[in-house]
Protein backbone atom coordinates (compact mmCIF):
# COMPACT_ATOMS: atom_id res chain seq x y z
CA UNK A 1 13.77 56.80 98.03
CA UNK A 2 16.46 57.70 101.08
CA UNK A 3 15.05 60.72 101.47
CA UNK A 4 11.66 59.77 102.05
CA UNK A 5 13.09 56.70 104.74
CA UNK A 6 14.93 59.48 106.68
CA UNK A 7 11.95 61.91 107.10
CA UNK A 8 9.33 59.55 107.69
CA UNK A 9 11.17 57.02 109.29
CA UNK A 10 10.56 58.44 113.11
CA UNK A 11 6.71 58.74 112.95
CA UNK A 12 6.14 55.52 110.66
CA UNK A 13 2.54 55.05 112.86
CA UNK A 14 1.32 58.73 111.63
CA UNK A 15 -0.46 59.84 108.73
CA UNK A 16 -0.70 61.91 106.85
CA UNK A 17 3.03 62.18 105.97
CA UNK A 18 4.23 66.04 105.26
CA UNK A 19 4.48 68.29 102.28
CA UNK A 20 7.72 67.44 101.79
CA UNK A 21 7.43 63.81 101.96
CA UNK A 22 4.90 63.94 99.67
CA UNK A 23 6.51 65.59 97.12
CA UNK A 24 9.93 63.37 98.23
CA UNK A 25 7.36 60.20 97.12
CA UNK A 26 5.78 62.09 94.21
CA UNK A 27 9.51 62.72 92.99
CA UNK A 28 10.07 59.12 93.05
CA UNK A 29 7.31 58.05 91.17
CA UNK A 30 8.14 61.02 88.39
CA UNK A 31 11.45 59.46 87.85
CA UNK A 32 10.72 55.96 88.01
CA UNK A 33 7.75 55.74 86.23
CA UNK A 34 9.40 53.82 83.24
CA UNK A 35 11.80 52.37 84.89
CA UNK A 36 11.75 48.32 85.26
CA UNK A 37 15.25 47.16 86.48
CA UNK A 38 17.25 49.63 89.14
CA UNK A 39 20.86 49.63 90.46
CA UNK A 40 21.92 48.98 93.78
CA UNK A 41 23.09 52.18 94.20
CA UNK A 42 19.72 53.88 93.69
CA UNK A 43 17.51 51.27 95.35
CA UNK A 44 19.35 49.10 97.91
CA UNK A 45 17.97 45.93 99.36
CA UNK A 46 17.65 47.47 102.99
CA UNK A 47 16.12 51.07 102.18
CA UNK A 48 14.03 49.58 99.73
CA UNK A 49 12.57 47.05 102.56
CA UNK A 50 12.17 49.74 105.11
CA UNK A 51 10.61 51.94 102.33
CA UNK A 52 7.92 49.39 101.75
CA UNK A 53 7.54 48.69 105.62
CA UNK A 54 6.95 52.38 105.75
CA UNK A 55 4.75 52.60 102.89
CA UNK A 56 2.42 49.76 104.22
CA UNK A 57 2.56 51.07 107.69
CA UNK A 58 0.86 54.80 106.05
CA UNK A 59 -1.33 52.94 104.58
CA UNK A 60 -3.17 51.41 107.55
CA UNK A 61 -1.03 47.82 108.24
CA UNK A 62 0.58 47.18 111.45
CA UNK A 63 3.25 44.99 110.11
CA UNK A 64 4.50 43.99 112.98
CA UNK A 65 1.38 42.04 113.66
CA UNK A 66 1.05 40.99 109.90
CA UNK A 67 -2.91 43.24 110.49
CA UNK A 68 -4.77 45.78 109.79
CA UNK A 69 -5.87 47.90 113.16
CA UNK A 70 -8.66 49.56 111.46
CA UNK A 71 -11.96 48.14 110.20
CA UNK A 72 -13.29 48.75 106.84
CA UNK A 73 -15.94 51.31 107.83
CA UNK A 74 -13.32 53.34 110.02
CA UNK A 75 -11.11 53.24 107.04
CA UNK A 76 -13.44 54.32 104.30
CA UNK A 77 -14.18 57.00 106.90
CA UNK A 78 -10.50 58.00 106.92
CA UNK A 79 -10.46 57.87 103.24
CA UNK A 80 -13.50 60.12 102.34
CA UNK A 81 -12.72 62.72 105.03
CA UNK A 82 -9.11 63.67 103.59
CA UNK A 83 -8.93 64.06 99.99
CA UNK A 84 -5.27 64.87 100.72
CA UNK A 85 -4.91 61.16 102.56
CA UNK A 86 -6.20 59.87 99.49
CA UNK A 87 -4.30 61.56 97.18
CA UNK A 88 -1.12 60.04 99.20
CA UNK A 89 -2.73 56.87 99.11
CA UNK A 90 -2.86 56.98 95.26
CA UNK A 91 0.97 57.86 95.30
CA UNK A 92 2.06 55.29 98.22
CA UNK A 93 0.27 52.34 95.85
CA UNK A 94 2.38 53.93 92.79
CA UNK A 95 5.46 53.59 94.25
CA UNK A 96 4.78 50.54 95.56
CA UNK A 97 4.49 49.12 91.93
CA UNK A 98 7.54 50.51 90.75
CA UNK A 99 9.10 48.61 93.38
CA UNK A 100 7.61 45.49 93.14
CA UNK A 101 8.67 45.17 88.77
CA UNK A 102 11.80 44.31 90.77
CA UNK A 103 11.67 40.79 93.06
CA UNK A 104 14.21 41.46 95.13
CA UNK A 105 13.34 42.77 98.77
CA UNK A 106 9.49 42.04 97.94
CA UNK A 107 8.88 39.78 101.54
CA UNK A 108 6.22 42.07 103.39
CA UNK A 109 4.62 42.99 100.00
CA UNK A 110 3.88 39.33 99.26
CA UNK A 111 3.27 38.24 103.03
CA UNK A 112 -0.86 38.41 104.20
CA UNK A 113 -0.42 42.06 105.61
CA UNK A 114 0.77 43.25 102.28
CA UNK A 115 -1.65 41.29 100.45
CA UNK A 116 -4.67 42.39 102.45
CA UNK A 117 -3.76 46.30 102.10
CA UNK A 118 -4.15 45.71 98.64
CA UNK A 119 -7.09 44.20 98.28
CA UNK A 120 -8.62 46.78 100.90
CA UNK A 121 -7.48 49.26 98.39
CA UNK A 122 -9.09 47.79 95.51
CA UNK A 123 -12.18 48.21 97.01
CA UNK A 124 -12.57 43.83 96.97
CA UNK A 125 -12.70 43.52 100.91
CA UNK A 126 -16.32 45.87 100.30
CA UNK A 127 -16.76 42.95 98.32
CA UNK A 128 -16.56 40.48 100.14
CA UNK A 129 -18.67 42.75 103.21
CA UNK A 130 -21.24 43.33 100.91
CA UNK A 131 -21.82 39.38 99.88
CA UNK A 132 -21.85 38.55 104.13
CA UNK A 133 -24.21 41.28 104.39
CA UNK A 134 -26.15 39.78 101.68
CA UNK A 135 -26.18 35.86 102.87
CA UNK A 136 -26.76 37.01 106.54
CA UNK A 137 -29.84 39.15 105.01
CA UNK A 138 -31.30 36.52 102.92
CA UNK A 139 -30.68 33.74 105.79
CA UNK A 140 -32.74 36.18 107.92
CA UNK A 141 -35.06 37.70 106.00
CA UNK A 142 -37.86 34.76 106.26
CA UNK A 143 -37.39 35.57 109.97
CA UNK A 144 -37.10 39.37 110.76
CA UNK A 145 -38.35 41.66 107.96
CA UNK A 146 -36.69 44.70 108.92
CA UNK A 147 -33.15 44.39 109.06
CA UNK A 148 -30.69 47.05 110.80
CA UNK A 149 -28.74 46.78 107.50
CA UNK A 150 -31.91 47.23 105.20
CA UNK A 151 -33.25 50.94 104.37
CA UNK A 152 -36.19 50.67 102.41
CA UNK A 153 -35.86 47.45 101.35
CA UNK A 154 -32.52 48.08 99.40
CA UNK A 155 -29.32 46.19 101.23
CA UNK A 156 -26.61 49.30 101.89
CA UNK A 157 -23.65 48.37 99.94
CA UNK A 158 -20.49 49.39 101.75
CA UNK A 159 -18.50 52.39 99.70
CA UNK A 160 -15.30 51.79 97.57
CA UNK A 161 -12.59 53.93 97.47
CA UNK A 162 -11.40 56.87 94.57
CA UNK A 163 -10.66 55.46 91.55
CA UNK A 164 -7.51 56.73 91.67
CA UNK A 165 -6.88 55.00 94.37
CA UNK A 166 -8.71 51.59 93.15
CA UNK A 167 -6.97 51.41 90.00
CA UNK A 168 -3.23 51.99 91.49
CA UNK A 169 -4.01 49.20 93.82
CA UNK A 170 -5.13 46.82 91.48
CA UNK A 171 -2.21 47.35 89.16
CA UNK A 172 -0.04 46.75 92.13
CA UNK A 173 -1.65 43.39 93.25
CA UNK A 174 -1.63 42.65 89.36
CA UNK A 175 2.48 42.90 90.03
CA UNK A 176 3.00 40.99 93.61
CA UNK A 177 0.76 38.07 92.44
CA UNK A 178 1.55 37.53 88.55
CA UNK A 179 4.48 34.88 88.39
CA UNK A 180 4.94 34.78 92.03
CA UNK A 181 3.01 31.19 93.09
CA UNK A 182 3.80 31.93 97.02
CA UNK A 183 1.83 35.56 96.83
CA UNK A 184 -0.57 33.71 94.82
CA UNK A 185 -1.53 31.17 97.68
CA UNK A 186 -1.94 33.79 99.66
CA UNK A 187 -4.65 35.98 97.64
CA UNK A 188 -6.14 32.49 97.17
CA UNK A 189 -6.19 31.70 100.99
CA UNK A 190 -7.76 35.10 101.53
CA UNK A 191 -10.28 34.54 98.70
CA UNK A 192 -9.35 37.67 96.58
CA UNK A 193 -9.84 36.44 93.38
CA UNK A 194 -13.43 35.97 93.73
CA UNK A 195 -14.05 39.56 95.55
CA UNK A 196 -11.75 40.71 92.49
CA UNK A 197 -14.11 39.14 90.27
CA UNK A 198 -17.19 40.19 92.20
CA UNK A 199 -15.91 43.86 91.94
CA UNK A 200 -15.81 43.35 87.95
CA UNK A 201 -19.88 43.68 88.09
CA UNK A 202 -20.10 46.28 90.15
CA UNK A 203 -22.27 48.40 89.11
CA UNK A 204 -20.69 51.73 91.07
CA UNK A 205 -17.11 50.82 89.98
CA UNK A 206 -16.16 53.10 86.94
CA UNK A 207 -14.53 52.00 83.70
CA UNK A 208 -10.97 52.29 84.18
CA UNK A 209 -11.50 49.90 87.85
CA UNK A 210 -13.49 47.77 85.80
CA UNK A 211 -11.24 47.24 82.96
CA UNK A 212 -8.24 46.65 85.42
CA UNK A 213 -9.87 44.48 87.75
CA UNK A 214 -11.39 42.06 84.75
CA UNK A 215 -7.44 42.49 83.32
CA UNK A 216 -5.94 41.52 86.66
CA UNK A 217 -8.42 38.01 86.96
CA UNK A 218 -7.99 37.19 83.69
CA UNK A 219 -4.64 37.28 83.95
CA UNK A 220 -4.57 35.01 86.84
CA UNK A 221 -7.04 32.54 85.15
CA UNK A 222 -4.55 32.41 82.22
CA UNK A 223 -1.52 31.91 84.15
CA UNK A 224 -2.98 29.92 87.38
CA UNK A 225 -5.05 26.90 86.35
CA UNK A 226 -6.69 27.19 90.03
CA UNK A 227 -7.40 30.38 89.81
CA UNK A 228 -10.26 29.42 87.13
CA UNK A 229 -11.54 26.78 89.18
CA UNK A 230 -12.30 28.91 91.83
CA UNK A 231 -14.62 31.13 89.70
CA UNK A 232 -16.71 28.59 87.88
CA UNK A 233 -18.57 26.85 91.01
CA UNK A 234 -21.98 28.19 91.58
CA UNK A 235 -21.23 30.18 94.73
CA UNK A 236 -20.82 33.85 93.77
CA UNK A 237 -24.23 35.56 94.84
CA UNK A 238 -25.53 32.51 94.35
CA UNK A 239 -24.63 32.23 90.27
CA UNK A 240 -22.39 31.17 87.75
CA UNK A 241 -19.44 33.09 87.46
CA UNK A 242 -20.50 33.30 83.16
CA UNK A 243 -24.09 34.28 84.42
CA UNK A 244 -22.52 36.92 86.35
CA UNK A 245 -20.04 37.98 83.87
CA UNK A 246 -22.76 38.48 81.10
CA UNK A 247 -24.30 41.00 83.64
CA UNK A 248 -21.51 43.13 83.44
CA UNK A 249 -20.76 42.77 79.62
CA UNK A 250 -24.56 43.49 79.24
CA UNK A 251 -24.22 46.76 81.40
CA UNK A 252 -21.01 47.74 79.39
CA UNK A 253 -22.49 47.59 76.35
CA UNK A 254 -26.15 49.13 77.19
CA UNK A 255 -24.33 52.23 78.11
CA UNK A 256 -24.09 52.87 74.74
CA UNK A 257 -27.23 54.25 72.42
CA UNK A 258 -27.59 51.55 70.26
CA UNK A 259 -28.85 54.04 67.31
CA UNK A 260 -32.68 52.29 66.69
CA UNK A 261 -31.24 48.50 66.62
CA UNK A 262 -28.77 49.05 63.81
CA UNK A 263 -25.35 48.92 66.24
CA UNK A 264 -24.37 52.40 66.35
CA UNK A 265 -24.27 52.12 69.82
CA UNK A 266 -22.01 49.40 70.06
CA UNK A 267 -19.63 50.40 67.73
CA UNK A 268 -19.35 53.56 70.05
CA UNK A 269 -19.01 51.59 72.99
CA UNK A 270 -16.03 49.35 71.42
CA UNK A 271 -14.12 53.05 70.01
CA UNK A 272 -14.54 54.68 73.66
CA UNK A 273 -13.61 54.66 76.95
CA UNK A 274 -15.19 51.06 77.49
CA UNK A 275 -13.94 49.31 74.44
CA UNK A 276 -10.74 48.08 76.63
CA UNK A 277 -13.25 46.86 79.22
CA UNK A 278 -15.41 45.24 76.83
CA UNK A 279 -12.31 43.30 75.58
CA UNK A 280 -10.85 42.01 78.70
CA UNK A 281 -14.81 41.03 79.80
CA UNK A 282 -14.54 38.64 76.42
CA UNK A 283 -10.95 37.23 77.16
CA UNK A 284 -12.05 36.17 80.57
CA UNK A 285 -15.42 34.96 79.34
CA UNK A 286 -12.93 32.87 76.76
CA UNK A 287 -10.67 31.55 79.76
CA UNK A 288 -13.82 31.10 81.83
CA UNK A 289 -15.73 28.50 78.84
CA UNK A 290 -12.57 26.96 77.50
CA UNK A 291 -13.46 23.40 78.18
CA UNK A 292 -17.25 23.48 77.83
CA UNK A 293 -17.24 22.79 74.23
CA UNK A 294 -15.00 19.47 74.77
CA UNK A 295 -17.07 18.62 77.56
CA UNK A 296 -20.31 19.17 75.63
CA UNK A 297 -19.19 17.27 72.50
CA UNK A 298 -18.26 14.02 75.16
CA UNK A 299 -14.37 14.70 74.28
CA UNK A 300 -13.55 15.33 77.71
CA UNK A 301 -11.27 12.84 79.34
CA UNK A 302 -11.33 14.91 83.06
CA UNK A 303 -15.06 12.95 83.79
CA UNK A 304 -16.46 9.46 84.24
CA UNK A 305 -19.85 10.52 84.74
CA UNK A 306 -23.09 11.66 83.40
CA UNK A 307 -22.11 15.26 82.17
CA UNK A 308 -26.12 16.09 80.91
CA UNK A 309 -27.03 18.61 83.88
CA UNK A 310 -23.59 20.12 83.73
CA UNK A 311 -23.77 20.53 80.14
CA UNK A 312 -27.36 21.74 80.82
CA UNK A 313 -26.41 24.53 83.26
CA UNK A 314 -23.24 25.34 80.99
CA UNK A 315 -25.75 25.96 77.59
CA UNK A 316 -27.77 28.14 80.36
CA UNK A 317 -25.36 30.34 81.07
CA UNK A 318 -23.98 30.89 78.05
CA UNK A 319 -27.73 31.62 76.16
CA UNK A 320 -27.53 34.70 78.46
CA UNK A 321 -24.62 35.61 76.59
CA UNK A 322 -26.03 35.03 73.17
CA UNK A 323 -27.16 38.74 72.97
CA UNK A 324 -23.96 40.43 73.96
CA UNK A 325 -22.06 38.23 71.90
CA UNK A 326 -24.25 38.75 68.43
CA UNK A 327 -24.54 42.53 68.79
CA UNK A 328 -20.39 42.16 68.99
CA UNK A 329 -19.82 39.95 66.27
CA UNK A 330 -22.61 42.07 63.83
CA UNK A 331 -21.66 45.91 64.69
CA UNK A 332 -18.23 45.82 65.93
CA UNK A 333 -15.63 47.60 64.01
CA UNK A 334 -13.50 44.88 62.02
CA UNK A 335 -10.00 45.16 62.69
CA UNK A 336 -7.82 46.48 59.73
CA UNK A 337 -5.76 44.67 57.13
CA UNK A 338 -2.74 43.77 58.81
CA UNK A 339 0.40 44.96 57.38
CA UNK A 340 3.78 44.17 59.06
CA UNK A 341 3.92 47.95 60.23
CA UNK A 342 0.39 47.24 62.45
CA UNK A 343 1.73 43.95 63.47
CA UNK A 344 4.88 45.32 64.87
CA UNK A 345 2.88 48.63 66.66
CA UNK A 346 -0.34 45.67 68.17
CA UNK A 347 3.16 43.62 69.37
CA UNK A 348 4.85 46.81 70.94
CA UNK A 349 1.46 47.65 72.85
CA UNK A 350 0.73 44.21 73.54
CA UNK A 351 4.16 44.27 75.48
CA UNK A 352 3.27 47.55 77.60
CA UNK A 353 0.28 46.85 78.57
CA UNK A 354 -1.59 49.39 76.25
CA UNK A 355 -5.37 48.82 75.76
CA UNK A 356 -6.19 46.86 72.66
CA UNK A 357 -5.69 47.42 69.25
CA UNK A 358 -9.01 48.69 67.09
CA UNK A 359 -11.17 45.34 65.96
CA UNK A 360 -10.11 44.19 69.57
CA UNK A 361 -13.77 43.35 70.45
CA UNK A 362 -14.73 41.54 67.26
CA UNK A 363 -11.83 39.13 67.40
CA UNK A 364 -12.39 38.77 71.50
CA UNK A 365 -15.87 37.70 70.67
CA UNK A 366 -15.56 35.45 67.91
CA UNK A 367 -12.92 33.40 70.13
CA UNK A 368 -15.65 33.65 73.05
CA UNK A 369 -18.66 31.80 70.67
CA UNK A 370 -15.60 29.24 69.68
CA UNK A 371 -16.19 28.04 73.44
CA UNK A 372 -20.02 28.05 72.90
CA UNK A 373 -22.60 24.71 73.52
CA UNK A 374 -23.10 23.30 70.16
CA UNK A 375 -26.37 22.76 70.77
CA UNK A 376 -27.25 27.12 70.98
CA UNK A 377 -25.82 27.29 67.15
CA UNK A 378 -25.81 30.69 68.15
CA UNK A 379 -23.84 31.59 64.69
CA UNK A 380 -26.12 32.32 61.68
CA UNK A 381 -26.27 33.41 58.31
CA UNK A 382 -25.88 37.26 58.94
CA UNK A 383 -23.07 36.43 61.52
CA UNK A 384 -20.91 34.16 59.71
CA UNK A 385 -21.49 36.77 56.31
CA UNK A 386 -19.70 39.38 58.83
CA UNK A 387 -16.86 36.58 59.51
CA UNK A 388 -15.82 36.15 55.40
CA UNK A 389 -16.42 39.94 55.87
CA UNK A 390 -13.32 40.04 57.82
CA UNK A 391 -11.91 37.18 56.19
CA UNK A 392 -11.77 39.07 53.13
CA UNK A 393 -10.09 41.60 54.26
CA UNK A 394 -7.61 40.03 55.96
CA UNK A 395 -6.37 37.72 53.46
CA UNK A 396 -6.80 39.46 50.42
CA UNK A 397 -4.87 42.91 51.44
CA UNK A 398 -1.46 40.94 51.31
CA UNK A 399 0.28 38.12 49.72
CA UNK A 400 1.76 37.23 53.46
CA UNK A 401 -1.35 37.45 56.63
CA UNK A 402 0.52 38.93 59.07
CA UNK A 403 -0.99 37.78 63.14
CA UNK A 404 -2.70 34.93 60.58
CA UNK A 405 -2.54 32.88 63.99
CA UNK A 406 -4.83 35.94 66.05
CA UNK A 407 -6.63 37.40 62.72
CA UNK A 408 -7.37 34.58 60.68
CA UNK A 409 -7.71 31.23 62.77
CA UNK A 410 -10.29 31.35 64.75
CA UNK A 411 -12.80 32.64 62.35
CA UNK A 412 -12.01 29.52 60.16
CA UNK A 413 -12.57 27.67 62.74
CA UNK A 414 -15.79 29.38 63.84
CA UNK A 415 -16.89 29.25 60.81
CA UNK A 416 -16.36 25.35 60.09
CA UNK A 417 -18.14 24.76 63.17
CA UNK A 418 -20.68 26.65 61.85
CA UNK A 419 -21.28 24.88 59.20
CA UNK A 420 -20.89 21.71 60.46
CA UNK A 421 -23.76 22.68 63.36
CA UNK A 422 -26.22 24.62 60.39
CA UNK A 423 -26.86 23.36 57.05
CA UNK A 424 -27.93 26.97 56.20
CA UNK A 425 -25.12 28.39 57.41
CA UNK A 426 -23.20 25.71 54.96
CA UNK A 427 -25.27 26.54 52.04
CA UNK A 428 -24.42 30.62 52.32
CA UNK A 429 -21.08 30.17 52.65
CA UNK A 430 -20.05 27.85 50.10
CA UNK A 431 -22.06 30.00 47.81
CA UNK A 432 -20.10 32.53 48.85
CA UNK A 433 -17.00 31.20 49.47
CA UNK A 434 -17.34 28.34 46.61
CA UNK A 435 -19.04 29.78 43.41
CA UNK A 436 -19.65 28.08 40.66
CA UNK A 437 -17.57 27.96 37.71
CA UNK A 438 -18.95 29.94 34.44
CA UNK A 439 -19.28 28.27 31.61
CA UNK A 440 -18.74 31.50 29.81
CA UNK A 441 -16.26 32.81 31.32
CA UNK A 442 -12.97 31.17 29.74
CA UNK A 443 -10.37 33.14 32.35
CA UNK A 444 -11.85 31.65 35.16
CA UNK A 445 -11.49 28.20 33.54
CA UNK A 446 -7.81 29.25 32.61
CA UNK A 447 -6.73 29.66 36.21
CA UNK A 448 -6.16 27.72 38.81
CA UNK A 449 -7.76 27.67 42.16
CA UNK A 450 -4.86 29.03 43.91
CA UNK A 451 -4.59 32.19 41.41
CA UNK A 452 -6.42 35.41 41.63
CA UNK A 453 -7.97 37.70 43.94
CA UNK A 454 -10.55 35.70 45.46
CA UNK A 455 -11.19 34.45 49.02
CA UNK A 456 -11.53 31.27 47.45
CA UNK A 457 -8.15 31.69 45.96
CA UNK A 458 -6.81 32.99 49.32
CA UNK A 459 -8.10 30.12 51.04
CA UNK A 460 -6.64 27.64 48.94
CA UNK A 461 -3.28 28.73 48.47
CA UNK A 462 -3.34 28.69 52.12
CA UNK A 463 -4.17 25.31 51.89
CA UNK A 464 -0.06 24.48 51.20
CA UNK A 465 1.00 27.19 53.70
CA UNK A 466 3.84 25.82 55.84
CA UNK A 467 2.26 27.58 58.65
CA UNK A 468 0.28 24.34 60.05
CA UNK A 469 -2.56 26.35 61.70
CA UNK A 470 -3.26 28.76 58.76
CA UNK A 471 -3.09 25.02 56.62
CA UNK A 472 -5.34 23.13 58.60
CA UNK A 473 -7.82 25.80 59.14
CA UNK A 474 -8.38 26.74 55.70
CA UNK A 475 -8.51 23.14 54.49
CA UNK A 476 -10.78 21.82 57.03
CA UNK A 477 -12.98 24.53 56.10
CA UNK A 478 -13.44 23.82 52.79
CA UNK A 479 -13.15 20.15 53.72
CA UNK A 480 -16.81 20.72 55.43
CA UNK A 481 -17.91 23.31 53.29
CA UNK A 482 -18.07 20.47 50.27
CA UNK A 483 -19.82 18.32 52.66
CA UNK A 484 -16.49 16.38 53.75
CA UNK A 485 -16.65 14.45 50.61
CA UNK A 486 -13.31 14.23 48.84
CA UNK A 487 -14.09 13.89 45.18
CA UNK A 488 -16.06 17.52 45.46
CA UNK A 489 -13.63 18.82 46.79
CA UNK A 490 -10.81 17.73 44.60
CA UNK A 491 -13.44 19.41 41.27
CA UNK A 492 -13.01 22.71 43.78
CA UNK A 493 -9.25 23.19 44.71
CA UNK A 494 -7.41 20.23 42.46
CA UNK A 495 -5.85 16.98 44.08
CA UNK A 496 -2.57 18.66 44.45
CA UNK A 497 -3.96 21.29 46.68
CA UNK A 498 -5.75 18.68 48.45
CA UNK A 499 -3.79 15.86 49.09
CA UNK A 500 -2.03 17.36 52.71
CA UNK A 501 -5.51 17.25 53.67
CA UNK A 502 -5.79 13.55 52.57
CA UNK A 503 -2.96 12.50 53.77
CA UNK A 504 -4.19 13.92 57.16
CA UNK A 505 -7.37 12.16 56.97
CA UNK A 506 -6.01 9.00 55.32
CA UNK A 507 -7.52 9.32 52.47
CA UNK A 508 -5.19 9.66 49.87
CA UNK A 509 -6.90 7.67 47.14
CA UNK A 510 -9.17 10.72 46.66
CA UNK A 511 -11.94 10.34 49.21
CA UNK A 512 -12.81 7.40 48.25
CA UNK A 513 -12.48 4.80 51.53
CA UNK A 514 -14.21 3.38 54.32
CA UNK A 515 -13.92 6.48 56.57
CA UNK A 516 -17.35 8.17 57.15
CA UNK A 517 -17.58 11.76 58.91
CA UNK A 518 -20.93 12.65 61.02
CA UNK A 519 -20.57 16.03 61.16
CA UNK A 520 -21.64 17.92 65.45
CA UNK A 521 -24.91 19.14 65.18
CA UNK A 522 -26.61 17.17 62.48
CA UNK A 523 -29.96 15.39 63.11
CA UNK A 524 -29.09 12.61 60.53
CA UNK A 525 -26.32 11.83 57.85
CA UNK A 526 -29.04 11.89 55.70
CA UNK A 527 -29.75 15.47 56.74
CA UNK A 528 -25.86 16.52 55.86
CA UNK A 529 -25.27 14.40 52.69
CA UNK A 530 -28.71 14.98 50.75
CA UNK A 531 -28.05 18.25 49.01
CA UNK A 532 -29.98 19.53 45.47
CA UNK A 533 -27.33 21.98 44.66
CA UNK A 534 -25.32 21.48 41.47
CA UNK A 535 -21.64 21.03 41.54
CA UNK A 536 -20.66 22.54 38.29
CA UNK A 537 -19.75 19.64 36.92
CA UNK A 538 -21.27 20.84 33.12
CA UNK A 539 -19.65 23.72 33.69
CA UNK A 540 -16.09 22.49 34.56
CA UNK A 541 -16.86 19.13 32.68
CA UNK A 542 -13.91 16.67 31.26
CA UNK A 543 -11.66 19.68 30.34
CA UNK A 544 -10.46 20.30 34.01
CA UNK A 545 -7.04 18.73 34.93
CA UNK A 546 -7.74 17.12 38.25
CA UNK A 547 -4.43 17.57 39.90
CA UNK A 548 -4.05 21.29 39.42
CA UNK A 549 -7.90 21.96 38.91
CA UNK A 550 -7.97 24.28 35.97
CA UNK A 551 -8.19 23.59 32.10
CA UNK A 552 -5.71 21.60 30.54
CA UNK A 553 -3.04 23.12 28.47
CA UNK A 554 -2.39 23.34 25.21
CA UNK A 555 -0.44 19.82 25.65
CA UNK A 556 -3.28 17.43 24.89
CA UNK A 557 -2.33 13.94 26.77
CA UNK A 558 -5.04 11.45 24.67
CA UNK A 559 -3.88 13.48 21.27
CA UNK A 560 0.33 12.66 22.60
CA UNK A 561 -0.95 9.01 22.53
CA UNK A 562 -3.58 8.60 20.17
CA UNK A 563 -0.77 7.07 17.00
CA UNK A 564 0.88 4.54 19.62
CA UNK A 565 -0.55 1.02 19.93
CA UNK A 566 -1.47 -1.15 22.85
CA UNK A 567 1.62 -2.86 22.90
CA UNK A 568 3.78 1.11 22.31
CA UNK A 569 1.93 2.15 25.10
CA UNK A 570 2.65 -0.58 27.67
CA UNK A 571 5.74 -0.74 26.41
CA UNK A 572 6.37 3.10 27.57
CA UNK A 573 4.93 2.41 30.64
CA UNK A 574 7.43 -0.18 31.69
CA UNK A 575 9.66 2.35 30.68
CA UNK A 576 8.79 4.75 32.90
CA UNK A 577 8.21 2.21 35.68
CA UNK A 578 11.58 1.33 35.54
CA UNK A 579 13.04 5.21 35.33
CA UNK A 580 11.26 5.65 38.85
CA UNK A 581 12.68 2.59 40.56
CA UNK A 582 16.00 3.73 39.32
CA UNK A 583 15.37 7.21 40.74
CA UNK A 584 14.25 5.56 44.30
CA UNK A 585 17.21 3.47 44.26
CA UNK A 586 18.99 6.11 44.11
CA UNK A 587 17.37 7.74 46.62
CA UNK A 588 16.55 10.83 44.68
CA UNK A 589 12.79 10.08 45.49
CA UNK A 590 10.78 7.74 47.50
CA UNK A 591 7.75 6.66 45.60
CA UNK A 592 5.05 5.80 47.06
CA UNK A 593 1.40 4.94 46.39
CA UNK A 594 -2.06 3.91 48.72
CA UNK A 595 -3.76 1.19 49.55
CA UNK A 596 -7.44 0.28 49.72
CA UNK A 597 -8.04 2.05 53.19
CA UNK A 598 -6.11 5.25 51.33
CA UNK A 599 -3.46 4.76 53.83
CA UNK A 600 0.31 6.03 52.23
CA UNK A 601 2.19 2.58 51.66
CA UNK A 602 5.76 2.18 49.92
CA UNK A 603 5.95 1.18 45.98
CA UNK A 604 7.22 -2.38 46.03
CA UNK A 605 9.49 -2.74 42.60
CA UNK A 606 10.33 -6.38 43.10
CA UNK A 607 7.68 -7.39 40.68
CA UNK A 608 8.80 -8.35 37.29
CA UNK A 609 11.34 -6.73 35.36
């Protein structure tokens, strides 16, 4: 750094740099490629500030006036005429990215001048100029048929910088504005968020550029709520942000041969160079549509008027994503079984910013489908079956699922919502997850619902998990599959496993009470409650213990009390009540019962002894 400042300090406005200066710059980038902390002796603050100023001036900025003297056309002409200058620009941007890892002495890089330089080298400034030209063309189209900027009826598109330059600029910009509110405000004032988003949908941008542009916009929408608000209004080329994103996603997926409709092309795209870009597009889609489902169901407290037109527009835009999301859900590779070793590797990859792991596109598609407006009902029987395949792979490979909040909870939620919105999906899922007990298989009746290697057993085990998201996700899905009928749920999983769910719903009486649920997306209560399918009572009969959900053991309660008279039974019951009272008074237990509403209440032992 100091050597570069000494070599170039006297010729700050000249370019390109000499061979010796370029070699010094490359050596700095190579030595500090993986460094995130710098000692003051290695990078003194004053020298670092001068170094950044020199690099910005070499990149075309006037740090004294905080401007970019060259126009975009002059800049692109200069960049295209000199490959050596383009190579230097990539190295200079890499050096700025390395300097940006430590927050000291970055005032110039965080100012408008530094942000403008990065936006220009990202190619985002070309996006702004293209949008302005398109708007001007639309305004003058009715008056003038032959525009100077129109050749053969096609709008001339400003050229983009070389890919390697754009990628380094995007990475540097992400370092500068990430978790830095002042720099983020400067980027917003310059319209940089909208420009970066338009870059995400530019067909000329390479896959690597598309990946990093989508990633930086995704991170901005995740960490800065205002970034999402700037993208949501339908002001980008007259179309909504989600609508434009659907175009980019479809283009990525269409780059592969779809193998006669069997999804082979989608699998190749997800496993190839475009896979990480697809994943980032789906993550950005999730952020952009995060509140759509809540708004459509009427749970959004932010509005005070009729949202019907907004909901209809959301449904129209999301409908354009139906085909890409279906292709991904049906044909994208499923994530491998998440072993502890794989989870550690995935965490390390995420921390280092590496591309997403295998199967990430399927998980991201599931997350995006969670925000789909209920009226669309995008999840059909085939798609739900593939989600069940994923759950079986994750839950049946290890006793304790790892990365469960990421790999298990969203699919459980999606299946629950789909079951509420579609009677066919609910029936298909119930037949697969809660099959009827076989009366000719004694071993099946002997096992408790949570025992065994079936998906049902794995989900029932999750109902008593200490991890709230897993417990609630599994319990709510099974509850919906039983048509939100407590007695039916008890027959399938046992009262002991269902007690936590009943407590959360105020149904500890076993589901008998005043609570009545109207599922989302059903035409009426009758369509949801009337069902002719058998529940398997004949197979399970009265031999089943309703608490455990398994066949009674060798101890027969009726045989044990058959020799007792009514008076003896009453005396035994009194003795047991007194024992419970003593345990309660001693603080060993807290006796409780339920009232007629199914609510938990304390037991009163103050009656006659």
